[in-house]
Protein backbone atom coordinates (compact mmCIF):
# COMPACT_ATOMS: atom_id res chain seq x y z
CA UNK A 1 -48.25 45.26 -19.32
CA UNK A 2 -49.98 43.80 -22.37
CA UNK A 3 -50.61 46.29 -25.16
CA UNK A 4 -54.36 46.17 -25.91
CA UNK A 5 -53.68 47.29 -29.47
CA UNK A 6 -51.87 44.03 -30.27
CA UNK A 7 -54.33 41.27 -31.19
CA UNK A 8 -54.36 38.18 -29.00
CA UNK A 9 -55.20 34.72 -30.36
CA UNK A 10 -58.93 34.16 -30.64
CA UNK A 11 -60.63 31.70 -28.36
CA UNK A 12 -60.50 28.22 -29.80
CA UNK A 13 -57.67 29.00 -32.21
CA UNK A 14 -54.35 27.21 -32.12
CA UNK A 15 -51.97 29.90 -33.34
CA UNK A 16 -49.10 28.98 -31.12
CA UNK A 17 -51.26 31.00 -28.66
CA UNK A 18 -49.29 33.17 -26.25
CA UNK A 19 -46.01 32.56 -28.06
CA UNK A 20 -47.41 33.91 -31.34
CA UNK A 21 -48.70 37.04 -29.60
CA UNK A 22 -45.38 37.52 -27.84
CA UNK A 23 -43.50 37.12 -31.14
CA UNK A 24 -45.78 39.69 -32.78
CA UNK A 25 -45.14 42.23 -30.04
CA UNK A 26 -41.39 41.68 -30.29
CA UNK A 27 -41.53 42.00 -34.08
CA UNK A 28 -43.42 45.30 -33.89
CA UNK A 29 -40.92 46.69 -31.40
CA UNK A 30 -38.02 45.80 -33.71
CA UNK A 31 -39.70 47.27 -36.79
CA UNK A 32 -40.53 50.49 -34.95
CA UNK A 33 -36.89 51.09 -34.01
CA UNK A 34 -35.79 51.38 -37.64
CA UNK A 35 -39.01 52.37 -39.44
CA UNK A 36 -38.13 56.04 -39.99
CA UNK A 37 -34.60 55.32 -41.24
CA UNK A 38 -35.76 52.53 -43.55
CA UNK A 39 -38.50 54.75 -44.94
CA UNK A 40 -35.91 57.36 -45.91
CA UNK A 41 -33.57 54.74 -47.41
CA UNK A 42 -36.17 52.69 -49.29
CA UNK A 43 -34.95 49.49 -50.90
CA UNK A 44 -35.51 45.87 -50.00
CA UNK A 45 -36.21 44.94 -46.36
CA UNK A 46 -34.66 41.46 -46.45
CA UNK A 47 -33.79 41.33 -42.74
CA UNK A 48 -37.21 42.58 -41.67
CA UNK A 49 -38.95 40.05 -43.91
CA UNK A 50 -36.91 37.34 -42.22
CA UNK A 51 -38.11 38.59 -38.84
CA UNK A 52 -41.71 38.32 -40.07
CA UNK A 53 -41.10 34.75 -41.21
CA UNK A 54 -39.40 33.91 -37.92
CA UNK A 55 -42.44 35.24 -36.03
CA UNK A 56 -44.53 32.56 -37.76
CA UNK A 57 -46.78 35.01 -39.60
CA UNK A 58 -46.36 33.81 -43.19
CA UNK A 59 -48.91 31.01 -42.85
CA UNK A 60 -51.56 32.72 -40.72
CA UNK A 61 -54.09 32.53 -43.58
CA UNK A 62 -53.21 29.00 -44.75
CA UNK A 63 -56.05 26.59 -43.88
CA UNK A 64 -55.31 24.10 -41.10
CA UNK A 65 -55.73 21.14 -43.39
CA UNK A 66 -52.49 22.20 -45.09
CA UNK A 67 -50.60 22.88 -41.87
CA UNK A 68 -51.35 26.59 -41.51
CA UNK A 69 -52.94 28.51 -38.66
CA UNK A 70 -56.34 28.78 -40.35
CA UNK A 71 -56.90 32.12 -38.64
CA UNK A 72 -60.13 34.06 -38.86
CA UNK A 73 -60.02 37.07 -41.17
CA UNK A 74 -60.52 39.30 -38.15
CA UNK A 75 -57.27 37.96 -36.66
CA UNK A 76 -55.44 38.29 -39.97
CA UNK A 77 -56.48 41.92 -40.40
CA UNK A 78 -55.76 42.86 -36.81
CA UNK A 79 -52.24 41.49 -37.33
CA UNK A 80 -51.80 43.58 -40.50
CA UNK A 81 -53.20 46.63 -38.71
CA UNK A 82 -50.88 46.20 -35.72
CA UNK A 83 -47.80 46.12 -37.95
CA UNK A 84 -49.07 49.01 -40.08
CA UNK A 85 -49.11 51.27 -37.01
CA UNK A 86 -45.32 51.29 -37.10
CA UNK A 87 -44.46 50.15 -40.65
CA UNK A 88 -47.18 50.14 -43.29
CA UNK A 89 -44.77 48.98 -46.01
CA UNK A 90 -43.97 45.73 -44.21
CA UNK A 91 -47.65 45.34 -43.29
CA UNK A 92 -48.43 45.66 -46.99
CA UNK A 93 -45.99 42.87 -47.84
CA UNK A 94 -47.55 40.60 -45.25
CA UNK A 95 -51.05 41.49 -46.39
CA UNK A 96 -50.19 40.62 -49.96
CA UNK A 97 -48.66 37.36 -48.77
CA UNK A 98 -52.11 36.48 -47.45
CA UNK A 99 -53.74 37.65 -50.67
CA UNK A 100 -51.67 35.24 -52.76
CA UNK A 101 -52.54 32.43 -50.35
CA UNK A 102 -56.20 33.24 -50.90
CA UNK A 103 -55.63 33.27 -54.66
CA UNK A 104 -54.42 29.66 -54.47
CA UNK A 105 -57.26 28.72 -52.15
CA UNK A 106 -60.11 30.07 -54.29
CA UNK A 107 -58.69 29.64 -57.80
CA UNK A 108 -56.73 26.42 -57.43
CA UNK A 109 -57.92 22.84 -57.73
CA UNK A 110 -57.37 20.28 -54.96
CA UNK A 111 -53.94 19.26 -56.23
CA UNK A 112 -52.80 22.87 -56.55
CA UNK A 113 -54.03 23.75 -53.09
CA UNK A 114 -52.16 20.78 -51.65
CA UNK A 115 -48.97 21.61 -53.56
CA UNK A 116 -48.82 25.35 -53.02
CA UNK A 117 -50.47 25.85 -49.63
CA UNK A 118 -48.62 23.00 -47.98
CA UNK A 119 -45.48 24.13 -49.79
CA UNK A 120 -45.91 27.59 -48.25
CA UNK A 121 -45.92 26.03 -44.79
CA UNK A 122 -43.09 23.57 -45.32
CA UNK A 123 -40.89 25.91 -47.36
CA UNK A 124 -41.78 29.14 -45.53
CA UNK A 125 -42.33 30.70 -48.94
CA UNK A 126 -42.76 34.40 -49.43
CA UNK A 127 -45.20 35.06 -52.27
CA UNK A 128 -45.00 37.90 -54.78
CA UNK A 129 -47.90 39.43 -56.64
CA UNK A 130 -47.89 39.93 -60.41
CA UNK A 131 -51.69 39.88 -60.71
CA UNK A 132 -53.08 43.04 -62.28
CA UNK A 133 -55.57 42.27 -65.07
CA UNK A 134 -55.78 45.96 -66.03
CA UNK A 135 -52.12 45.80 -67.09
CA UNK A 136 -52.31 43.83 -70.36
CA UNK A 137 -48.64 44.23 -71.34
CA UNK A 138 -47.88 40.65 -70.29
CA UNK A 139 -49.06 38.25 -73.01
CA UNK A 140 -49.78 34.53 -72.54
CA UNK A 141 -49.38 32.40 -75.67
CA UNK A 142 -50.98 28.97 -75.42
CA UNK A 143 -48.79 25.92 -75.94
CA UNK A 144 -49.80 22.48 -77.22
CA UNK A 145 -49.41 20.88 -73.78
CA UNK A 146 -52.04 23.09 -72.11
CA UNK A 147 -49.58 25.58 -70.72
CA UNK A 148 -48.45 29.04 -71.83
CA UNK A 149 -45.42 31.13 -72.68
CA UNK A 150 -45.30 34.54 -71.01
CA UNK A 151 -43.75 37.56 -72.68
CA UNK A 152 -43.87 41.18 -71.58
CA UNK A 153 -43.91 43.27 -68.41
CA UNK A 154 -46.17 43.49 -65.40
CA UNK A 155 -46.24 46.54 -63.12
CA UNK A 156 -47.01 47.12 -59.42
CA UNK A 157 -45.71 43.66 -58.50
CA UNK A 158 -45.65 43.94 -54.71
CA UNK A 159 -43.37 41.58 -52.83
CA UNK A 160 -41.80 39.90 -55.85
CA UNK A 161 -38.23 40.78 -54.88
CA UNK A 162 -37.05 38.20 -52.38
CA UNK A 163 -40.04 35.92 -52.98
CA UNK A 164 -39.88 32.23 -53.79
CA UNK A 165 -43.21 32.03 -55.66
CA UNK A 166 -45.51 34.45 -57.42
CA UNK A 167 -49.02 34.58 -58.77
CA UNK A 168 -49.33 36.17 -62.18
CA UNK A 169 -52.04 37.33 -64.58
CA UNK A 170 -51.44 37.63 -68.31
CA UNK A 171 -53.49 38.60 -71.35
CA UNK A 172 -54.53 35.67 -73.53
CA UNK A 173 -55.04 37.02 -77.08
CA UNK A 174 -56.97 33.90 -78.05
CA UNK A 175 -59.80 34.74 -75.63
CA UNK A 176 -59.18 38.43 -75.02
CA UNK A 177 -59.20 37.74 -71.28
CA UNK A 178 -56.57 37.12 -68.60
CA UNK A 179 -55.27 33.83 -67.33
CA UNK A 180 -53.96 33.38 -63.79
CA UNK A 181 -51.08 31.11 -62.87
CA UNK A 182 -48.32 30.31 -60.36
CA UNK A 183 -44.63 30.39 -61.26
CA UNK A 184 -41.45 30.15 -59.19
CA UNK A 185 -39.86 33.60 -59.02
CA UNK A 186 -36.47 32.15 -60.00
CA UNK A 187 -37.76 30.54 -63.21
CA UNK A 188 -35.70 31.20 -66.35
CA UNK A 189 -36.79 34.32 -68.18
CA UNK A 190 -38.10 36.20 -65.13
CA UNK A 191 -36.37 39.42 -64.09
CA UNK A 192 -37.57 41.32 -61.02
CA UNK A 193 -36.74 44.95 -61.74
CA UNK A 194 -35.62 47.32 -58.99
CA UNK A 195 -37.62 50.30 -60.27
CA UNK A 196 -39.93 51.08 -57.32
CA UNK A 197 -39.29 54.69 -56.21
CA UNK A 198 -42.52 56.29 -54.93
CA UNK A 199 -43.05 59.01 -52.32
CA UNK A 200 -44.34 56.44 -49.82
CA UNK A 201 -44.60 52.70 -49.18
CA UNK A 202 -40.98 52.64 -50.20
CA UNK A 203 -40.18 49.11 -49.02
CA UNK A 204 -43.01 47.16 -50.65
CA UNK A 205 -40.88 46.07 -53.64
CA UNK A 206 -43.80 47.02 -55.89
CA UNK A 207 -41.81 47.56 -59.07
CA UNK A 208 -42.13 45.78 -62.39
CA UNK A 209 -41.30 42.23 -63.46
CA UNK A 210 -40.15 41.31 -66.95
CA UNK A 211 -40.95 37.98 -68.61
CA UNK A 212 -39.13 36.57 -71.64
CA UNK A 213 -40.61 33.31 -72.95
CA UNK A 214 -41.35 32.11 -69.44
CA UNK A 215 -42.85 28.65 -69.46
CA UNK A 216 -46.07 28.05 -67.50
CA UNK A 217 -46.92 24.37 -67.14
CA UNK A 218 -50.53 23.23 -67.48
CA UNK A 219 -50.67 22.26 -63.80
CA UNK A 220 -49.54 25.79 -62.86
CA UNK A 221 -52.57 27.46 -64.48
CA UNK A 222 -54.97 28.41 -61.69
CA UNK A 223 -57.88 29.99 -63.48
CA UNK A 224 -59.00 31.08 -66.94
CA UNK A 225 -61.31 34.07 -66.78
CA UNK A 226 -63.62 32.80 -69.53
CA UNK A 227 -64.96 30.55 -66.76
CA UNK A 228 -67.33 32.55 -64.56
CA UNK A 229 -66.16 32.39 -60.93
CA UNK A 230 -68.45 31.27 -58.11
CA UNK A 231 -69.34 33.90 -55.47
CA UNK A 232 -66.80 32.43 -53.05
CA UNK A 233 -63.96 32.89 -55.57
CA UNK A 234 -64.86 36.57 -55.96
CA UNK A 235 -64.24 37.09 -52.24
CA UNK A 236 -60.57 37.38 -53.22
CA UNK A 237 -61.27 40.95 -54.33
CA UNK A 238 -62.76 41.79 -50.94
CA UNK A 239 -59.82 40.17 -49.14
CA UNK A 240 -57.59 42.51 -51.15
CA UNK A 241 -59.67 45.59 -50.38
CA UNK A 242 -59.64 44.85 -46.66
CA UNK A 243 -55.85 44.51 -46.72
CA UNK A 244 -55.71 48.11 -47.92
CA UNK A 245 -58.43 49.20 -45.50
CA UNK A 246 -56.52 47.87 -42.52
CA UNK A 247 -53.32 49.47 -43.75
CA UNK A 248 -55.20 52.79 -43.68
CA UNK A 249 -56.51 52.11 -40.18
CA UNK A 250 -53.03 51.20 -38.95
CA UNK A 251 -51.56 54.37 -40.50
CA UNK A 252 -54.20 56.52 -38.78
CA UNK A 253 -53.58 54.83 -35.44
CA UNK A 254 -49.82 55.03 -35.85
CA UNK A 255 -49.95 58.73 -36.74
CA UNK A 256 -52.10 59.40 -33.68
CA UNK A 257 -49.66 57.56 -31.41
CA UNK A 258 -46.64 59.37 -32.87
CA UNK A 259 -48.42 62.70 -32.39
CA UNK A 260 -49.21 61.84 -28.78
CA UNK A 261 -45.65 60.80 -28.08
CA UNK A 262 -44.17 63.90 -29.69
CA UNK A 263 -46.53 66.36 -28.00
CA UNK A 264 -46.07 64.90 -24.52
CA UNK A 265 -42.28 64.93 -24.88
CA UNK A 266 -41.50 68.05 -26.90
CA UNK A 267 -44.34 70.53 -27.41
CA UNK A 268 -44.59 73.71 -25.32
CA UNK A 269 -47.93 75.46 -24.78
CA UNK A 270 -48.74 78.32 -27.14
CA UNK A 271 -47.92 81.74 -25.71
CA UNK A 272 -51.57 82.82 -25.59
CA UNK A 273 -52.95 79.55 -24.22
CA UNK A 274 -52.83 80.50 -20.55
CA UNK A 275 -51.81 76.97 -19.55
CA UNK A 276 -48.57 75.61 -18.20
CA UNK A 277 -48.48 72.36 -20.15
CA UNK A 278 -49.33 71.70 -23.80
CA UNK A 279 -51.48 68.75 -22.76
CA UNK A 280 -53.89 71.21 -21.11
CA UNK A 281 -54.33 73.42 -24.19
CA UNK A 282 -58.06 73.22 -25.06
CA UNK A 283 -57.43 73.51 -28.79
CA UNK A 284 -54.84 70.74 -28.69
CA UNK A 285 -57.28 68.57 -26.74
CA UNK A 286 -59.91 69.31 -29.38
CA UNK A 287 -57.51 68.31 -32.14
CA UNK A 288 -56.56 65.03 -30.46
CA UNK A 289 -60.20 64.28 -29.81
CA UNK A 290 -61.02 64.68 -33.50
CA UNK A 291 -58.03 62.57 -34.53
CA UNK A 292 -59.01 59.77 -32.18
CA UNK A 293 -62.63 59.78 -33.33
CA UNK A 294 -61.46 59.27 -36.91
CA UNK A 295 -59.07 56.48 -35.94
CA UNK A 296 -61.51 54.54 -33.75
CA UNK A 297 -64.31 55.01 -36.27
CA UNK A 298 -62.10 53.56 -38.99
CA UNK A 299 -61.14 50.67 -36.73
CA UNK A 300 -64.77 49.90 -35.90
CA UNK A 301 -65.86 49.81 -39.54
CA UNK A 302 -62.85 47.69 -40.51
CA UNK A 303 -63.68 45.21 -37.76
CA UNK A 304 -67.32 45.12 -38.87
CA UNK A 305 -66.20 44.37 -42.44
CA UNK A 306 -63.78 41.65 -41.32
CA UNK A 307 -66.54 39.93 -39.36
CA UNK A 308 -68.81 40.09 -42.43
CA UNK A 309 -66.06 38.52 -44.52
CA UNK A 310 -65.55 35.81 -41.91
CA UNK A 311 -69.25 34.98 -42.05
CA UNK A 312 -69.27 34.86 -45.86
CA UNK A 313 -66.08 32.80 -45.95
CA UNK A 314 -67.55 30.24 -43.57
CA UNK A 315 -70.42 29.60 -46.01
CA UNK A 316 -67.99 28.16 -48.55
CA UNK A 317 -69.59 27.16 -51.83
CA UNK A 318 -73.09 27.82 -50.49
CA UNK A 319 -72.40 31.58 -50.49
CA UNK A 320 -74.91 33.38 -52.70
CA UNK A 321 -74.26 36.35 -54.99
CA UNK A 322 -76.53 38.53 -52.87
CA UNK A 323 -74.70 37.60 -49.66
CA UNK A 324 -71.41 38.37 -51.34
CA UNK A 325 -72.71 41.77 -52.49
CA UNK A 326 -73.65 42.74 -48.93
CA UNK A 327 -70.07 42.02 -47.87
CA UNK A 328 -68.82 44.20 -50.74
CA UNK A 329 -70.98 47.05 -49.44
CA UNK A 330 -69.62 46.95 -45.88
CA UNK A 331 -66.07 46.61 -47.21
CA UNK A 332 -66.57 49.75 -49.30
CA UNK A 333 -67.99 51.63 -46.34
CA UNK A 334 -65.00 50.65 -44.22
CA UNK A 335 -62.48 51.50 -46.92
CA UNK A 336 -63.96 54.94 -47.60
CA UNK A 337 -63.85 55.90 -43.93
CA UNK A 338 -60.38 54.46 -43.37
CA UNK A 339 -59.07 56.19 -46.52
CA UNK A 340 -60.19 59.56 -45.16
CA UNK A 341 -59.04 58.83 -41.62
CA UNK A 342 -55.50 57.90 -42.72
CA UNK A 343 -55.06 61.10 -44.71
CA UNK A 344 -56.74 63.37 -42.17
CA UNK A 345 -54.99 62.04 -39.06
CA UNK A 346 -51.56 61.90 -40.71
CA UNK A 347 -51.95 65.53 -41.79
CA UNK A 348 -53.39 66.69 -38.45
CA UNK A 349 -50.29 65.22 -36.80
CA UNK A 350 -48.35 68.30 -37.91
CA UNK A 351 -50.99 70.75 -36.69
CA UNK A 352 -50.72 69.06 -33.32
CA UNK A 353 -46.94 68.79 -33.18
CA UNK A 354 -45.87 72.08 -34.74
CA UNK A 355 -43.05 73.26 -36.97
CA UNK A 356 -40.20 71.34 -35.32
CA UNK A 357 -41.97 68.08 -36.12
CA UNK A 358 -41.21 68.66 -39.81
CA UNK A 359 -37.54 67.81 -39.21
CA UNK A 360 -36.55 65.34 -41.89
CA UNK A 361 -34.79 62.84 -39.57
CA UNK A 362 -38.06 62.30 -37.68
CA UNK A 363 -39.78 61.22 -40.91
CA UNK A 364 -43.18 61.94 -39.40
CA UNK A 365 -44.39 62.72 -42.89
CA UNK A 366 -44.09 59.01 -43.72
CA UNK A 367 -47.60 58.38 -42.40
CA UNK A 368 -49.16 60.84 -44.85
CA UNK A 369 -46.91 59.76 -47.73
CA UNK A 370 -47.69 56.09 -47.15
CA UNK A 371 -51.40 56.83 -46.92
CA UNK A 372 -51.34 58.98 -50.04
CA UNK A 373 -49.68 56.27 -52.13
CA UNK A 374 -52.14 53.60 -51.04
CA UNK A 375 -55.31 55.70 -51.14
CA UNK A 376 -54.77 56.20 -54.88
CA UNK A 377 -55.24 52.46 -55.46
CA UNK A 378 -58.71 53.05 -56.89
CA UNK A 379 -60.86 56.21 -57.18
CA UNK A 380 -62.73 56.98 -53.98
CA UNK A 381 -65.55 58.72 -55.85
CA UNK A 382 -66.76 55.54 -57.53
CA UNK A 383 -66.80 53.70 -54.22
CA UNK A 384 -68.82 56.50 -52.60
CA UNK A 385 -71.16 56.38 -55.60
CA UNK A 386 -71.84 52.69 -54.94
CA UNK A 387 -72.61 53.36 -51.27
CA UNK A 388 -74.83 56.29 -52.23
CA UNK A 389 -76.73 54.18 -54.72
CA UNK A 390 -77.43 51.59 -52.03
CA UNK A 391 -78.52 54.30 -49.58
CA UNK A 392 -80.91 55.74 -52.16
CA UNK A 393 -82.50 52.73 -53.81
CA UNK A 394 -81.00 49.59 -52.24
CA UNK A 395 -78.86 48.58 -55.23
CA UNK A 396 -75.90 46.47 -54.08
CA UNK A 397 -72.42 46.80 -55.68
CA UNK A 398 -71.66 44.71 -58.73
CA UNK A 399 -68.69 42.34 -58.75
CA UNK A 400 -65.65 44.08 -60.24
CA UNK A 401 -61.89 44.16 -59.89
CA UNK A 402 -62.34 46.53 -56.93
CA UNK A 403 -65.70 45.65 -55.35
């Protein structure tokens, strides 16, 4: 039987159709078998990343003109969400793969888009992320040929270990603003440090990268921030925020499924319940009802936001600032709800499953730990403030690093 939770190719899309969907299902099954053990071990998931590449998912977001699938954002996010139900760390890596592809698409010129997007398809490149403008420790010194030399360290560099290419931001002291560029991960002077050891998301390779006089050629510079971006280019931020949102949704759905599986297989009714089977306990039914409402609500808002992004993306360079701001609003609404749902459902899992479910080998706490690490990406209060301001006086969110 087909699993309705696994996205099928959209009508009119050539994604390898049924084969792509079949490969995705097989990939998810394989990841699920080892997810708990890999979460405990941490480290680099080289084999699992190869499985993702073999399933044809690396180029889902590459436009068709460069040989990619050119998938809608709804399809991209449903794919991330489906993987996140069983392994949110690997879903994060894939989501950030798509984010770097978008970075090339919106920041690059025609020659760069041809070189790097087609190169991603032909070389099956994994991309790493060293873009974090708030981390100004990496300094870009201009050279006479229009390029830069990079010196310093960049933190939270998801996916850089095992990648072939990376996008990078660095502080330009001449302008006081960041520059954005592409460099091969193996370039001389780059060291990917194995210093990622958080409580959750343990296989995202999100440690630091060191740069020692790393040469950036002029043709590798994507964007200088002294040039104001067009509204379409600022959609990159919203692509990023919806990656996280769909990770949260997947975590909530995965925690709910694990709770259901555990309760139906292992939980006995409480001694005062008056029922023969745990599944008939009215309080347990109430708890599962609340958990499901949070998960499906988060899914609905995430889908709504993905459709809004699809609509804005289709406008291309005709997208207005006001249209972009409305997308930012619905993305914030989705992220707030999904943030809360991931934490609430992954905690309620234990209330539903009971004390034995805290056994370390089960690693059922990984859902909460993974959610907790990701939900600290930016303060929820400021996002709620923006939504509240719109509800009160109609003011739309301003463009920022997070909205």
